[in-house]
N, C-alpha and C. Protein backbone atom coordinates (compact mmCIF):
# COMPACT_ATOMS: atom_id res chain seq x y z
N UNK A 1 20.86 26.30 -33.03
CA UNK A 1 20.42 26.76 -34.31
C UNK A 1 20.87 25.91 -35.48
N UNK A 2 22.15 25.56 -35.35
CA UNK A 2 22.71 24.72 -36.42
C UNK A 2 22.12 23.34 -36.43
N UNK A 3 21.71 22.83 -35.17
CA UNK A 3 21.11 21.54 -35.11
C UNK A 3 19.74 21.53 -35.75
N UNK A 4 19.01 22.59 -35.58
CA UNK A 4 17.69 22.72 -36.14
C UNK A 4 17.72 22.88 -37.74
N UNK A 5 18.74 23.60 -38.15
CA UNK A 5 18.88 23.75 -39.55
C UNK A 5 19.36 22.51 -40.24
N UNK A 6 20.13 21.59 -39.48
CA UNK A 6 20.49 20.34 -40.14
C UNK A 6 19.41 19.40 -40.10
N UNK A 7 18.57 19.43 -39.12
CA UNK A 7 17.34 18.53 -39.13
C UNK A 7 16.40 18.91 -40.12
N UNK A 8 16.22 20.29 -40.34
CA UNK A 8 15.40 20.79 -41.44
C UNK A 8 15.80 20.42 -42.78
N UNK A 9 17.12 20.48 -43.00
CA UNK A 9 17.61 20.14 -44.32
C UNK A 9 17.49 18.61 -44.54
N UNK A 10 17.59 17.75 -43.56
CA UNK A 10 17.45 16.33 -43.60
C UNK A 10 15.98 15.97 -44.10
N UNK A 11 15.04 16.70 -43.41
CA UNK A 11 13.64 16.44 -43.57
C UNK A 11 13.27 16.86 -45.04
N UNK A 12 13.77 18.02 -45.43
CA UNK A 12 13.43 18.52 -46.77
C UNK A 12 14.14 17.55 -47.87
N UNK A 13 15.26 16.96 -47.55
CA UNK A 13 15.85 16.15 -48.46
C UNK A 13 14.97 14.82 -48.58
N UNK A 14 14.58 14.29 -47.40
CA UNK A 14 13.72 13.08 -47.53
C UNK A 14 12.39 13.40 -48.07
N UNK A 15 11.85 14.53 -48.05
CA UNK A 15 10.53 14.88 -48.75
C UNK A 15 10.73 14.92 -50.19
N UNK A 16 11.86 15.55 -50.49
CA UNK A 16 12.12 15.70 -52.01
C UNK A 16 12.39 14.27 -52.71
N UNK A 17 13.19 13.52 -51.98
CA UNK A 17 13.34 12.07 -52.52
C UNK A 17 12.03 11.26 -52.58
N UNK A 18 11.28 11.32 -51.54
CA UNK A 18 10.04 10.63 -51.48
C UNK A 18 9.00 11.17 -52.52
N UNK A 19 9.09 12.49 -52.82
CA UNK A 19 8.18 12.97 -53.92
C UNK A 19 8.65 12.56 -55.21
N UNK A 20 9.81 12.38 -55.42
CA UNK A 20 10.52 11.91 -56.66
C UNK A 20 9.92 10.39 -57.01
N UNK A 21 9.86 9.59 -55.84
CA UNK A 21 9.26 8.32 -55.98
C UNK A 21 7.80 8.20 -56.43
N UNK A 22 7.04 9.34 -55.94
CA UNK A 22 5.66 9.31 -56.26
C UNK A 22 5.38 9.93 -57.56
N UNK A 23 6.40 10.75 -58.13
CA UNK A 23 6.18 11.57 -59.34
C UNK A 23 5.96 10.78 -60.65
N UNK A 24 6.47 9.52 -60.70
CA UNK A 24 6.58 9.03 -61.93
C UNK A 24 5.96 7.45 -61.82
N UNK A 25 5.15 7.17 -62.66
CA UNK A 25 4.59 5.78 -62.86
C UNK A 25 5.44 4.99 -63.76
N UNK A 26 5.72 3.76 -63.35
CA UNK A 26 6.59 2.90 -64.25
C UNK A 26 5.78 2.36 -65.31
N UNK A 27 6.29 2.60 -66.58
CA UNK A 27 5.60 2.17 -67.81
C UNK A 27 5.91 0.71 -68.24
N UNK A 28 7.07 0.22 -67.94
CA UNK A 28 7.49 -1.06 -68.12
C UNK A 28 8.32 -1.72 -67.09
N UNK A 29 8.61 -3.00 -67.15
CA UNK A 29 9.39 -3.54 -66.04
C UNK A 29 10.78 -3.05 -66.05
N UNK A 30 11.39 -2.59 -67.19
CA UNK A 30 12.69 -2.11 -67.21
C UNK A 30 12.75 -0.70 -66.53
N UNK A 31 11.66 0.04 -66.65
CA UNK A 31 11.61 1.36 -66.13
C UNK A 31 11.40 1.22 -64.52
N UNK A 32 10.57 0.29 -64.23
CA UNK A 32 10.41 -0.03 -62.77
C UNK A 32 11.66 -0.48 -62.04
N UNK A 33 12.48 -1.30 -62.72
CA UNK A 33 13.74 -1.66 -62.07
C UNK A 33 14.62 -0.55 -62.00
N UNK A 34 14.62 0.46 -62.84
CA UNK A 34 15.46 1.60 -62.79
C UNK A 34 15.13 2.46 -61.64
N UNK A 35 13.77 2.71 -61.33
CA UNK A 35 13.42 3.56 -60.24
C UNK A 35 13.22 2.94 -58.99
N UNK A 36 13.49 1.61 -58.85
CA UNK A 36 13.37 0.80 -57.56
C UNK A 36 14.30 1.38 -56.52
N UNK A 37 15.44 1.82 -56.96
CA UNK A 37 16.57 2.29 -56.04
C UNK A 37 16.09 3.59 -55.34
N UNK A 38 15.47 4.46 -56.15
CA UNK A 38 15.15 5.66 -55.61
C UNK A 38 13.89 5.59 -54.70
N UNK A 39 13.06 4.56 -55.01
CA UNK A 39 11.81 4.40 -54.26
C UNK A 39 12.31 3.71 -52.87
N UNK A 40 13.24 2.85 -52.95
CA UNK A 40 13.87 2.33 -51.68
C UNK A 40 14.52 3.36 -50.78
N UNK A 41 15.13 4.16 -51.42
CA UNK A 41 15.89 5.25 -50.65
C UNK A 41 14.84 6.15 -50.03
N UNK A 42 13.77 6.49 -50.79
CA UNK A 42 12.77 7.34 -50.31
C UNK A 42 12.02 6.66 -49.05
N UNK A 43 11.79 5.36 -49.16
CA UNK A 43 11.11 4.53 -48.21
C UNK A 43 12.09 4.52 -46.96
N UNK A 44 13.32 4.24 -47.13
CA UNK A 44 14.23 4.22 -45.97
C UNK A 44 14.29 5.52 -45.29
N UNK A 45 14.40 6.69 -46.13
CA UNK A 45 14.37 7.94 -45.51
C UNK A 45 13.13 8.31 -44.74
N UNK A 46 11.94 7.91 -45.33
CA UNK A 46 10.70 8.20 -44.65
C UNK A 46 10.64 7.49 -43.20
N UNK A 47 11.01 6.27 -43.08
CA UNK A 47 10.83 5.65 -41.83
C UNK A 47 12.05 6.06 -40.97
N UNK A 48 13.12 6.31 -41.38
CA UNK A 48 14.21 6.78 -40.61
C UNK A 48 13.92 8.14 -40.14
N UNK A 49 13.54 9.09 -40.97
CA UNK A 49 13.25 10.54 -40.33
C UNK A 49 12.05 10.42 -39.45
N UNK A 50 10.97 9.68 -39.70
CA UNK A 50 9.94 9.54 -38.77
C UNK A 50 10.43 9.01 -37.39
N UNK A 51 11.23 8.00 -37.38
CA UNK A 51 11.72 7.46 -36.15
C UNK A 51 12.54 8.45 -35.50
N UNK A 52 13.39 9.21 -36.19
CA UNK A 52 14.35 10.10 -35.60
C UNK A 52 13.55 11.36 -35.02
N UNK A 53 12.68 11.91 -35.73
CA UNK A 53 11.90 12.98 -35.30
C UNK A 53 10.95 12.60 -34.23
N UNK A 54 10.28 11.51 -34.31
CA UNK A 54 9.43 11.01 -33.24
C UNK A 54 10.19 10.82 -31.85
N UNK A 55 11.30 10.20 -31.95
CA UNK A 55 12.17 10.00 -30.64
C UNK A 55 12.63 11.44 -30.10
N UNK A 56 13.12 12.29 -30.99
CA UNK A 56 13.62 13.52 -30.53
C UNK A 56 12.41 14.32 -29.84
N UNK A 57 11.35 14.36 -30.61
CA UNK A 57 10.09 15.01 -29.95
C UNK A 57 9.60 14.50 -28.73
N UNK A 58 9.50 13.18 -28.54
CA UNK A 58 9.11 12.63 -27.39
C UNK A 58 10.11 12.87 -26.23
N UNK A 59 11.35 12.83 -26.53
CA UNK A 59 12.36 13.11 -25.50
C UNK A 59 12.31 14.62 -25.02
N UNK A 60 12.06 15.49 -25.93
CA UNK A 60 12.08 16.88 -25.56
C UNK A 60 10.75 17.08 -24.76
N UNK A 61 9.57 16.52 -25.14
CA UNK A 61 8.35 16.72 -24.35
C UNK A 61 8.38 16.16 -23.14
N UNK A 62 8.91 14.81 -22.88
CA UNK A 62 9.02 14.25 -21.58
C UNK A 62 9.91 14.97 -20.73
N UNK A 63 11.09 15.46 -21.25
CA UNK A 63 12.07 16.23 -20.44
C UNK A 63 11.54 17.49 -20.03
N UNK A 64 10.78 18.18 -20.88
CA UNK A 64 10.06 19.51 -20.46
C UNK A 64 9.12 19.31 -19.33
N UNK A 65 8.38 18.22 -19.57
CA UNK A 65 7.27 17.85 -18.53
C UNK A 65 7.85 17.52 -17.25
N UNK A 66 8.93 16.64 -17.32
CA UNK A 66 9.58 16.27 -15.98
C UNK A 66 10.25 17.47 -15.30
N UNK A 67 10.83 18.40 -16.09
CA UNK A 67 11.38 19.60 -15.51
C UNK A 67 10.42 20.49 -14.84
N UNK A 68 9.30 20.55 -15.53
CA UNK A 68 8.23 21.35 -15.03
C UNK A 68 7.71 20.82 -13.62
N UNK A 69 7.49 19.48 -13.69
CA UNK A 69 7.03 18.77 -12.52
C UNK A 69 8.04 18.93 -11.31
N UNK A 70 9.45 18.81 -11.72
CA UNK A 70 10.48 18.85 -10.70
C UNK A 70 10.46 20.21 -10.10
N UNK A 71 10.14 21.23 -10.82
CA UNK A 71 10.28 22.66 -10.28
C UNK A 71 8.97 23.06 -9.50
N UNK A 72 7.79 22.35 -9.86
CA UNK A 72 6.52 22.65 -9.10
C UNK A 72 5.74 21.28 -9.08
N UNK A 73 6.05 20.41 -8.06
CA UNK A 73 5.33 19.20 -7.93
C UNK A 73 3.79 19.24 -7.77
N UNK A 74 3.29 20.38 -7.50
CA UNK A 74 1.86 20.45 -7.26
C UNK A 74 1.16 20.68 -8.72
N UNK A 75 2.03 20.90 -9.70
CA UNK A 75 1.44 21.04 -10.97
C UNK A 75 1.44 19.70 -11.83
N UNK A 76 1.75 18.65 -11.20
CA UNK A 76 1.93 17.39 -11.84
C UNK A 76 0.64 16.95 -12.52
N UNK A 77 -0.48 17.07 -11.91
CA UNK A 77 -1.82 16.64 -12.42
C UNK A 77 -2.12 17.64 -13.65
N UNK A 78 -1.67 18.91 -13.59
CA UNK A 78 -2.01 19.73 -14.79
C UNK A 78 -1.10 19.43 -16.05
N UNK A 79 0.16 18.97 -15.75
CA UNK A 79 1.10 18.76 -16.81
C UNK A 79 0.93 17.34 -17.36
N UNK A 80 0.57 16.42 -16.63
CA UNK A 80 0.45 15.07 -17.11
C UNK A 80 -0.44 14.74 -18.31
N UNK A 81 -1.67 15.33 -18.19
CA UNK A 81 -2.67 14.97 -19.27
C UNK A 81 -2.05 15.52 -20.69
N UNK A 82 -1.76 16.91 -20.75
CA UNK A 82 -1.25 17.50 -21.90
C UNK A 82 -0.16 16.70 -22.44
N UNK A 83 0.80 16.26 -21.56
CA UNK A 83 2.08 15.64 -22.04
C UNK A 83 1.61 14.35 -22.68
N UNK A 84 0.70 13.43 -22.10
CA UNK A 84 0.29 12.32 -22.69
C UNK A 84 -0.31 12.53 -24.06
N UNK A 85 -1.16 13.56 -24.15
CA UNK A 85 -1.82 13.88 -25.44
C UNK A 85 -0.75 14.27 -26.53
N UNK A 86 0.24 15.02 -26.10
CA UNK A 86 1.33 15.44 -27.02
C UNK A 86 2.13 14.20 -27.38
N UNK A 87 2.54 13.29 -26.47
CA UNK A 87 3.17 12.15 -26.92
C UNK A 87 2.48 11.29 -27.88
N UNK A 88 1.11 11.21 -27.73
CA UNK A 88 0.20 10.44 -28.67
C UNK A 88 0.22 11.05 -29.97
N UNK A 89 0.18 12.33 -30.12
CA UNK A 89 0.19 12.96 -31.42
C UNK A 89 1.61 12.76 -32.02
N UNK A 90 2.60 12.94 -31.29
CA UNK A 90 3.96 12.57 -31.75
C UNK A 90 4.05 11.21 -32.39
N UNK A 91 3.58 10.29 -31.59
CA UNK A 91 3.79 8.89 -31.96
C UNK A 91 2.89 8.66 -33.26
N UNK A 92 1.74 9.36 -33.37
CA UNK A 92 0.88 9.22 -34.50
C UNK A 92 1.76 9.72 -35.83
N UNK A 93 2.40 10.75 -35.66
CA UNK A 93 3.28 11.18 -36.81
C UNK A 93 4.27 10.17 -37.27
N UNK A 94 4.92 9.47 -36.16
CA UNK A 94 5.87 8.48 -36.52
C UNK A 94 5.28 7.28 -37.19
N UNK A 95 4.06 6.91 -36.69
CA UNK A 95 3.31 5.87 -37.37
C UNK A 95 2.99 6.20 -38.80
N UNK A 96 2.63 7.50 -39.10
CA UNK A 96 2.39 7.91 -40.43
C UNK A 96 3.65 7.91 -41.32
N UNK A 97 4.75 8.10 -40.78
CA UNK A 97 6.00 7.85 -41.58
C UNK A 97 6.17 6.43 -41.87
N UNK A 98 5.85 5.53 -40.97
CA UNK A 98 5.96 4.11 -41.25
C UNK A 98 4.95 3.74 -42.33
N UNK A 99 3.80 4.17 -42.29
CA UNK A 99 2.75 3.95 -43.32
C UNK A 99 3.32 4.50 -44.72
N UNK A 100 3.79 5.59 -44.77
CA UNK A 100 4.33 6.13 -46.03
C UNK A 100 5.44 5.33 -46.58
N UNK A 101 6.38 4.82 -45.66
CA UNK A 101 7.45 3.98 -46.04
C UNK A 101 6.84 2.62 -46.54
N UNK A 102 5.78 2.09 -45.88
CA UNK A 102 5.25 0.91 -46.36
C UNK A 102 4.70 0.94 -47.72
N UNK A 103 3.97 2.15 -47.95
CA UNK A 103 3.31 2.35 -49.32
C UNK A 103 4.49 2.42 -50.32
N UNK A 104 5.47 3.20 -50.09
CA UNK A 104 6.70 3.32 -50.99
C UNK A 104 7.41 1.99 -51.25
N UNK A 105 7.51 1.13 -50.24
CA UNK A 105 8.22 -0.10 -50.36
C UNK A 105 7.29 -1.03 -51.33
N UNK A 106 6.02 -0.81 -51.25
CA UNK A 106 5.13 -1.66 -52.20
C UNK A 106 5.37 -1.30 -53.66
N UNK A 107 5.98 -0.18 -53.97
CA UNK A 107 6.26 0.36 -55.37
C UNK A 107 7.52 -0.24 -55.74
N UNK A 108 8.30 -0.77 -55.02
CA UNK A 108 9.54 -1.37 -55.44
C UNK A 108 9.40 -2.66 -56.20
């Protein structure tokens, strides 16, 4: 439970920092230089949390699928296709985190 709560707090912190980066438009070059650090932190958190969440999700999905196949080898055909679909959706979320980080880095 503590691990889930820690992960949730990390995600909420990243979301709040990245929303700060989107909240304000730079009005001059001096203002843009002052907000560049927050935008860079938000960008780094976006890609870091996307990579961390994606790898943790894929590891749990693959582990559960392999455990299910090991317990019932005849169910391998029924488990394989949903596992591949789940892995593709998890990877898509990680790619979306990369896209958000790329958009944020363009604001620096």
